N, C-alpha and C. Protein backbone atom coordinates (compact mmCIF):
# COMPACT_ATOMS: atom_id res chain seq x y z
N GLN A 1 -94.51 -50.91 27.51
CA GLN A 1 -93.91 -50.34 26.09
C GLN A 1 -93.99 -48.96 26.06
N VAL A 2 -92.84 -48.52 25.85
CA VAL A 2 -92.85 -46.96 25.77
C VAL A 2 -93.44 -46.57 24.31
N GLN A 3 -94.34 -45.60 24.49
CA GLN A 3 -94.86 -45.02 23.16
C GLN A 3 -94.46 -43.55 23.02
N LEU A 4 -94.05 -43.16 21.82
CA LEU A 4 -93.64 -41.87 21.59
C LEU A 4 -94.43 -41.15 20.48
N VAL A 5 -94.66 -39.91 20.88
CA VAL A 5 -95.44 -39.05 20.01
C VAL A 5 -94.77 -37.75 19.57
N GLU A 6 -94.36 -37.35 18.47
CA GLU A 6 -93.68 -36.21 18.04
C GLU A 6 -94.70 -35.17 17.73
N SER A 7 -94.23 -33.94 17.97
CA SER A 7 -94.93 -32.65 17.67
C SER A 7 -94.18 -31.64 17.41
N GLY A 8 -94.65 -30.61 16.59
CA GLY A 8 -93.85 -29.40 16.44
C GLY A 8 -93.31 -29.24 14.93
N GLY A 9 -93.45 -30.11 13.97
CA GLY A 9 -93.09 -29.98 12.85
C GLY A 9 -94.03 -28.94 11.97
N GLY A 10 -93.64 -28.71 10.75
CA GLY A 10 -94.45 -27.56 10.09
C GLY A 10 -93.35 -27.15 8.82
N SER A 11 -93.99 -26.00 8.32
CA SER A 11 -93.34 -25.42 7.10
C SER A 11 -92.70 -24.10 7.61
N VAL A 12 -91.53 -23.85 7.19
CA VAL A 12 -90.77 -22.64 7.63
C VAL A 12 -89.79 -22.33 6.40
N GLU A 13 -89.42 -20.97 6.23
CA GLU A 13 -88.63 -20.58 5.04
C GLU A 13 -87.17 -20.77 5.87
N ALA A 14 -86.36 -20.79 4.70
CA ALA A 14 -84.86 -20.89 4.96
C ALA A 14 -84.40 -20.03 5.94
N GLY A 15 -83.41 -20.54 6.87
CA GLY A 15 -83.13 -19.54 7.97
C GLY A 15 -83.92 -19.47 9.25
N GLY A 16 -85.06 -19.93 9.25
CA GLY A 16 -86.02 -19.92 10.35
C GLY A 16 -85.90 -21.09 11.37
N PRO A 17 -86.58 -21.01 12.40
CA PRO A 17 -86.34 -22.01 13.41
C PRO A 17 -87.62 -22.98 13.57
N LEU A 18 -87.42 -24.05 14.07
CA LEU A 18 -88.59 -24.93 14.46
C LEU A 18 -88.13 -25.63 15.67
N ARG A 19 -89.15 -26.03 16.57
CA ARG A 19 -88.90 -26.75 17.76
C ARG A 19 -89.71 -28.15 17.86
N LEU A 20 -89.09 -29.20 17.73
CA LEU A 20 -89.70 -30.50 17.68
C LEU A 20 -89.71 -30.99 19.16
N SER A 21 -90.79 -31.68 19.46
CA SER A 21 -90.98 -32.11 20.85
C SER A 21 -91.39 -33.71 20.66
N CYS A 22 -91.01 -34.49 21.62
CA CYS A 22 -91.37 -35.97 21.76
C CYS A 22 -91.86 -36.29 23.10
N ALA A 23 -93.02 -36.67 23.20
CA ALA A 23 -93.57 -37.10 24.48
C ALA A 23 -93.59 -38.56 24.65
N ALA A 24 -93.06 -39.04 25.81
CA ALA A 24 -93.07 -40.42 26.11
C ALA A 24 -94.14 -40.75 27.23
N SER A 25 -94.57 -42.24 26.77
CA SER A 25 -95.80 -42.41 27.54
C SER A 25 -95.77 -43.04 29.07
N GLU A 26 -94.36 -43.22 29.21
CA GLU A 26 -94.13 -43.92 30.52
C GLU A 26 -92.90 -43.25 31.24
N ARG A 27 -92.82 -43.41 32.53
CA ARG A 27 -91.66 -42.82 33.30
C ARG A 27 -90.39 -43.66 33.05
N SER A 28 -90.53 -44.89 32.60
CA SER A 28 -89.28 -45.49 32.42
C SER A 28 -88.42 -45.02 31.41
N PHE A 29 -89.11 -44.05 30.66
CA PHE A 29 -88.34 -43.22 29.41
C PHE A 29 -87.03 -42.67 30.08
N ILE A 30 -87.12 -42.14 31.28
CA ILE A 30 -86.09 -41.30 31.68
C ILE A 30 -84.74 -41.94 31.79
N THR A 31 -84.66 -43.40 31.82
CA THR A 31 -83.45 -43.96 31.74
C THR A 31 -82.88 -44.34 30.31
N TYR A 32 -83.75 -44.06 29.49
CA TYR A 32 -83.48 -44.51 27.92
C TYR A 32 -82.65 -43.33 27.29
N PRO A 33 -81.71 -43.72 26.62
CA PRO A 33 -81.01 -42.85 25.64
C PRO A 33 -82.11 -42.49 24.54
N MET A 34 -82.19 -41.20 24.20
CA MET A 34 -83.36 -40.68 23.20
C MET A 34 -82.52 -40.08 21.96
N ALA A 35 -83.15 -40.14 20.78
CA ALA A 35 -82.63 -39.70 19.71
C ALA A 35 -83.57 -39.14 18.64
N TRP A 36 -83.13 -38.29 17.77
CA TRP A 36 -83.98 -37.87 16.49
C TRP A 36 -83.23 -38.30 15.21
N PHE A 37 -83.89 -38.96 14.59
CA PHE A 37 -83.62 -39.32 13.24
C PHE A 37 -84.48 -38.46 12.12
N ARG A 38 -84.12 -38.57 11.03
CA ARG A 38 -84.89 -37.99 9.88
C ARG A 38 -84.74 -38.68 8.61
N GLN A 39 -85.67 -38.74 7.69
CA GLN A 39 -85.79 -39.42 6.47
C GLN A 39 -86.37 -38.63 5.33
N ALA A 40 -85.71 -38.29 4.40
CA ALA A 40 -86.17 -37.45 3.39
C ALA A 40 -86.53 -38.52 2.13
N PRO A 41 -87.40 -38.04 1.08
CA PRO A 41 -87.99 -38.94 0.27
C PRO A 41 -86.83 -39.49 -0.54
N GLY A 42 -86.92 -40.98 -0.70
CA GLY A 42 -85.88 -41.60 -1.40
C GLY A 42 -84.61 -41.88 -0.73
N ARG A 43 -84.62 -41.45 0.45
CA ARG A 43 -83.29 -41.62 1.17
C ARG A 43 -83.43 -42.62 2.45
N GLU A 44 -82.32 -43.10 2.83
CA GLU A 44 -82.28 -43.82 4.01
C GLU A 44 -82.60 -42.88 5.39
N ARG A 45 -83.17 -43.51 6.36
CA ARG A 45 -83.20 -42.78 7.65
C ARG A 45 -81.94 -42.49 8.25
N GLU A 46 -81.66 -41.23 8.67
CA GLU A 46 -80.32 -40.81 9.08
C GLU A 46 -80.27 -40.26 10.60
N PHE A 47 -79.25 -40.51 11.29
CA PHE A 47 -79.08 -39.86 12.64
C PHE A 47 -79.17 -38.44 12.62
N VAL A 48 -79.71 -37.80 13.45
CA VAL A 48 -79.52 -36.21 13.59
C VAL A 48 -78.89 -35.94 15.09
N SER A 49 -79.50 -36.49 16.11
CA SER A 49 -78.84 -36.16 17.40
C SER A 49 -79.41 -37.02 18.47
N SER A 50 -78.52 -37.14 19.52
CA SER A 50 -79.08 -38.25 20.60
C SER A 50 -78.62 -37.55 21.98
N VAL A 51 -79.34 -37.97 22.93
CA VAL A 51 -78.92 -37.61 24.35
C VAL A 51 -79.15 -38.77 25.42
N ASN A 52 -78.31 -38.81 26.19
CA ASN A 52 -78.28 -40.06 27.29
C ASN A 52 -79.36 -39.81 28.28
N GLY A 53 -79.53 -40.78 29.15
CA GLY A 53 -80.74 -40.64 30.21
C GLY A 53 -80.72 -39.46 31.06
N ASN A 54 -79.67 -38.91 31.51
CA ASN A 54 -79.70 -37.74 32.46
C ASN A 54 -79.41 -36.35 31.64
N GLY A 55 -79.31 -36.53 30.33
CA GLY A 55 -79.31 -35.49 29.46
C GLY A 55 -77.85 -34.86 29.44
N GLY A 56 -76.87 -35.42 30.09
CA GLY A 56 -75.62 -34.79 30.14
C GLY A 56 -74.70 -35.03 29.09
N ILE A 57 -75.00 -36.15 28.22
CA ILE A 57 -74.18 -36.48 27.08
C ILE A 57 -75.04 -36.34 25.70
N THR A 58 -74.63 -35.58 24.86
CA THR A 58 -75.32 -35.36 23.69
C THR A 58 -74.40 -35.60 22.35
N ASN A 59 -75.00 -36.12 21.36
CA ASN A 59 -74.25 -36.20 20.10
C ASN A 59 -75.00 -35.60 18.96
N TYR A 60 -74.38 -35.15 17.93
CA TYR A 60 -75.04 -34.64 16.82
C TYR A 60 -74.41 -34.99 15.49
N ALA A 61 -75.19 -35.16 14.56
CA ALA A 61 -74.73 -35.44 13.11
C ALA A 61 -73.83 -34.35 12.66
N ASP A 62 -72.87 -34.56 11.78
CA ASP A 62 -71.87 -33.37 11.27
C ASP A 62 -72.77 -32.34 10.57
N PHE A 63 -73.78 -32.74 9.92
CA PHE A 63 -74.59 -31.74 9.02
C PHE A 63 -75.20 -30.62 9.84
N VAL A 64 -75.44 -31.15 11.24
CA VAL A 64 -76.23 -30.12 12.08
C VAL A 64 -75.38 -29.03 12.19
N ALA A 65 -73.91 -29.06 12.34
CA ALA A 65 -72.99 -27.82 12.44
C ALA A 65 -73.49 -26.66 13.34
N GLY A 66 -73.84 -27.19 14.55
CA GLY A 66 -74.22 -26.13 15.56
C GLY A 66 -75.52 -25.49 15.40
N ARG A 67 -76.34 -26.03 14.53
CA ARG A 67 -77.71 -25.48 14.32
C ARG A 67 -78.77 -26.05 15.28
N PHE A 68 -78.62 -27.32 15.63
CA PHE A 68 -79.57 -27.72 16.51
C PHE A 68 -79.25 -27.99 17.91
N ALA A 69 -80.16 -28.29 18.80
CA ALA A 69 -79.82 -28.58 20.10
C ALA A 69 -80.85 -29.45 20.77
N ILE A 70 -80.44 -30.51 21.29
CA ILE A 70 -81.39 -31.51 21.74
C ILE A 70 -81.32 -31.43 23.23
N SER A 71 -82.40 -31.67 24.01
CA SER A 71 -82.49 -31.65 25.34
C SER A 71 -83.75 -32.41 25.73
N ARG A 72 -83.61 -32.86 27.06
CA ARG A 72 -84.73 -33.51 27.56
C ARG A 72 -85.29 -33.03 28.97
N ASP A 73 -86.53 -33.06 29.32
CA ASP A 73 -87.06 -32.76 30.51
C ASP A 73 -87.62 -34.07 31.02
N ASN A 74 -86.95 -34.68 31.98
CA ASN A 74 -87.45 -35.93 32.42
C ASN A 74 -88.55 -35.76 33.36
N ALA A 75 -88.87 -34.66 33.97
CA ALA A 75 -90.05 -34.35 34.85
C ALA A 75 -91.30 -34.35 33.92
N LYS A 76 -91.08 -34.06 32.68
CA LYS A 76 -92.27 -33.88 31.81
C LYS A 76 -92.36 -35.18 30.63
N ASN A 77 -91.21 -35.99 30.87
CA ASN A 77 -91.11 -37.14 29.87
C ASN A 77 -91.06 -36.56 28.49
N THR A 78 -90.35 -35.63 28.13
CA THR A 78 -90.22 -35.08 26.93
C THR A 78 -88.61 -34.99 26.51
N VAL A 79 -88.59 -35.17 25.22
CA VAL A 79 -87.14 -34.65 24.59
C VAL A 79 -87.41 -33.70 23.55
N ASN A 80 -86.73 -32.62 23.41
CA ASN A 80 -86.96 -31.56 22.38
C ASN A 80 -85.66 -31.60 21.38
N LEU A 81 -86.10 -30.92 20.26
CA LEU A 81 -84.91 -30.73 19.34
C LEU A 81 -85.23 -29.21 18.72
N GLN A 82 -84.43 -28.35 19.17
CA GLN A 82 -84.42 -26.91 18.66
C GLN A 82 -83.53 -26.76 17.47
N MET A 83 -84.24 -26.50 16.44
CA MET A 83 -83.58 -26.42 15.03
C MET A 83 -83.61 -24.93 14.67
N ASN A 84 -82.43 -24.37 14.38
CA ASN A 84 -82.22 -23.02 13.96
C ASN A 84 -81.53 -22.97 12.64
N ASN A 85 -81.76 -21.70 11.96
CA ASN A 85 -81.16 -21.63 10.69
C ASN A 85 -81.31 -22.88 9.69
N LEU A 86 -82.67 -23.23 9.51
CA LEU A 86 -82.89 -24.26 8.82
C LEU A 86 -82.62 -24.02 7.28
N ARG A 87 -82.22 -25.21 6.67
CA ARG A 87 -82.02 -25.26 5.25
C ARG A 87 -83.00 -25.98 4.49
N PRO A 88 -83.03 -25.79 3.18
CA PRO A 88 -84.04 -26.73 2.53
C PRO A 88 -83.65 -28.06 2.52
N GLU A 89 -82.36 -28.38 2.55
CA GLU A 89 -82.06 -29.90 2.75
C GLU A 89 -82.27 -30.55 4.01
N ASP A 90 -82.94 -29.78 4.93
CA ASP A 90 -83.27 -30.35 6.26
C ASP A 90 -84.75 -30.66 6.04
N THR A 91 -85.32 -30.45 5.08
CA THR A 91 -86.69 -31.12 4.73
C THR A 91 -86.82 -32.61 4.75
N ALA A 92 -87.54 -33.12 5.75
CA ALA A 92 -87.58 -34.50 5.95
C ALA A 92 -88.67 -34.92 7.03
N VAL A 93 -89.04 -36.23 7.12
CA VAL A 93 -89.82 -36.54 8.32
C VAL A 93 -89.01 -36.91 9.51
N TYR A 94 -89.09 -36.29 10.54
CA TYR A 94 -88.30 -36.41 11.78
C TYR A 94 -88.99 -37.40 12.78
N TYR A 95 -88.25 -38.30 13.22
CA TYR A 95 -88.57 -39.31 14.11
C TYR A 95 -87.93 -39.28 15.42
N CYS A 96 -88.54 -39.48 16.47
CA CYS A 96 -88.11 -39.82 17.81
C CYS A 96 -87.86 -41.22 18.05
N ALA A 97 -86.80 -41.37 18.80
CA ALA A 97 -86.48 -42.83 19.05
C ALA A 97 -86.00 -42.93 20.53
N ALA A 98 -86.27 -44.18 21.06
CA ALA A 98 -85.74 -44.54 22.47
C ALA A 98 -84.99 -45.84 22.22
N SER A 99 -83.95 -46.14 23.20
CA SER A 99 -83.34 -47.26 23.20
C SER A 99 -83.46 -47.87 24.46
N SER A 100 -84.14 -49.04 24.64
CA SER A 100 -84.23 -49.76 25.95
C SER A 100 -82.92 -50.50 26.11
N ARG A 101 -82.24 -50.98 24.95
CA ARG A 101 -81.12 -51.82 24.99
C ARG A 101 -79.91 -51.19 25.96
N TYR A 102 -80.04 -49.74 25.92
CA TYR A 102 -78.94 -48.80 26.43
C TYR A 102 -79.58 -48.18 27.77
N ARG A 103 -80.60 -48.50 28.32
CA ARG A 103 -81.21 -47.85 29.23
C ARG A 103 -80.11 -47.81 30.60
N GLY A 104 -80.28 -46.64 31.13
CA GLY A 104 -79.39 -46.56 32.24
C GLY A 104 -77.84 -46.27 31.93
N SER A 105 -77.49 -46.31 30.75
CA SER A 105 -76.13 -46.29 30.50
C SER A 105 -75.87 -44.80 29.94
N ASN A 106 -74.60 -44.39 29.85
CA ASN A 106 -74.21 -43.20 29.23
C ASN A 106 -73.94 -43.07 27.82
N TYR A 107 -74.12 -44.33 27.26
CA TYR A 107 -73.78 -44.44 25.84
C TYR A 107 -74.93 -44.09 24.98
N ASN A 108 -74.73 -43.18 24.00
CA ASN A 108 -75.65 -42.73 22.99
C ASN A 108 -75.38 -43.35 21.73
N PRO A 109 -76.39 -44.49 21.47
CA PRO A 109 -76.21 -45.18 20.00
C PRO A 109 -76.52 -44.14 18.95
N LEU A 110 -75.93 -44.44 17.83
CA LEU A 110 -76.06 -43.49 16.67
C LEU A 110 -76.89 -44.23 15.39
N THR A 111 -77.19 -45.49 15.57
CA THR A 111 -77.68 -46.17 14.48
C THR A 111 -79.04 -46.68 14.76
N THR A 112 -79.85 -46.69 13.70
CA THR A 112 -81.25 -46.97 13.81
C THR A 112 -81.48 -48.49 14.55
N ASN A 113 -80.57 -49.47 14.32
CA ASN A 113 -80.69 -50.74 14.80
C ASN A 113 -80.67 -50.70 16.29
N ASP A 114 -80.02 -49.96 16.88
CA ASP A 114 -79.99 -49.70 18.40
C ASP A 114 -81.12 -49.04 19.07
N TYR A 115 -81.96 -48.55 18.34
CA TYR A 115 -83.26 -48.04 18.81
C TYR A 115 -84.45 -48.84 18.67
N ASP A 116 -85.36 -49.37 19.58
CA ASP A 116 -86.35 -50.19 19.48
C ASP A 116 -87.83 -49.58 19.90
N HIS A 117 -87.79 -48.22 20.18
CA HIS A 117 -89.12 -47.74 20.17
C HIS A 117 -89.13 -46.24 19.28
N TRP A 118 -90.06 -46.36 18.36
CA TRP A 118 -90.05 -45.07 17.40
C TRP A 118 -91.37 -44.43 17.46
N GLY A 119 -91.43 -43.10 17.19
CA GLY A 119 -92.60 -42.44 17.03
C GLY A 119 -92.96 -42.44 15.58
N ARG A 120 -94.14 -41.96 15.25
CA ARG A 120 -94.68 -42.10 13.83
C ARG A 120 -93.91 -40.90 12.92
N GLY A 121 -93.17 -39.93 13.47
CA GLY A 121 -92.63 -39.01 12.67
C GLY A 121 -93.47 -37.59 12.56
N THR A 122 -92.85 -36.59 12.36
CA THR A 122 -93.50 -35.32 12.16
C THR A 122 -92.82 -34.62 10.98
N GLN A 123 -93.48 -34.13 10.06
CA GLN A 123 -92.89 -33.47 8.76
C GLN A 123 -92.44 -32.04 9.17
N VAL A 124 -91.19 -31.91 8.50
CA VAL A 124 -90.45 -30.62 8.48
C VAL A 124 -90.20 -30.22 7.07
N THR A 125 -90.73 -29.09 6.50
CA THR A 125 -90.54 -28.61 5.20
C THR A 125 -89.97 -27.27 5.24
N VAL A 126 -88.74 -27.18 4.59
CA VAL A 126 -87.98 -25.88 4.68
C VAL A 126 -88.04 -25.37 3.17
N SER A 127 -88.57 -24.17 2.82
CA SER A 127 -88.67 -23.67 1.64
C SER A 127 -87.59 -22.44 1.46
N SER A 128 -86.99 -22.57 0.27
CA SER A 128 -85.85 -21.50 -0.14
C SER A 128 -86.39 -20.12 -0.43
């Protein structure tokens, strides 16, 4: 069972950057599509970005608008989310997720139901 641990959250002023990291507990992770989701208070968890197993295919939510970049380092069993030009509306708990259902494929699922491994989340707070 893959275990995921997020790090890198914190507080930042609008316009600033943050880099989130997600460490996976097993090598089998390198074949899984990985994603970041976020959930703000009172709102549903929403898709932010995803990457396939070899890192060659990425997807982003429209609200990212070129500000975020997802990457993975399979040698270190990590997936990262570089977030630039942060806005107050980016404030949320950010979750790392892995999809064993689509392991080994080039498909990057975009919905929470397609991911079966989740981290506990890391808080990102952006002040205006």
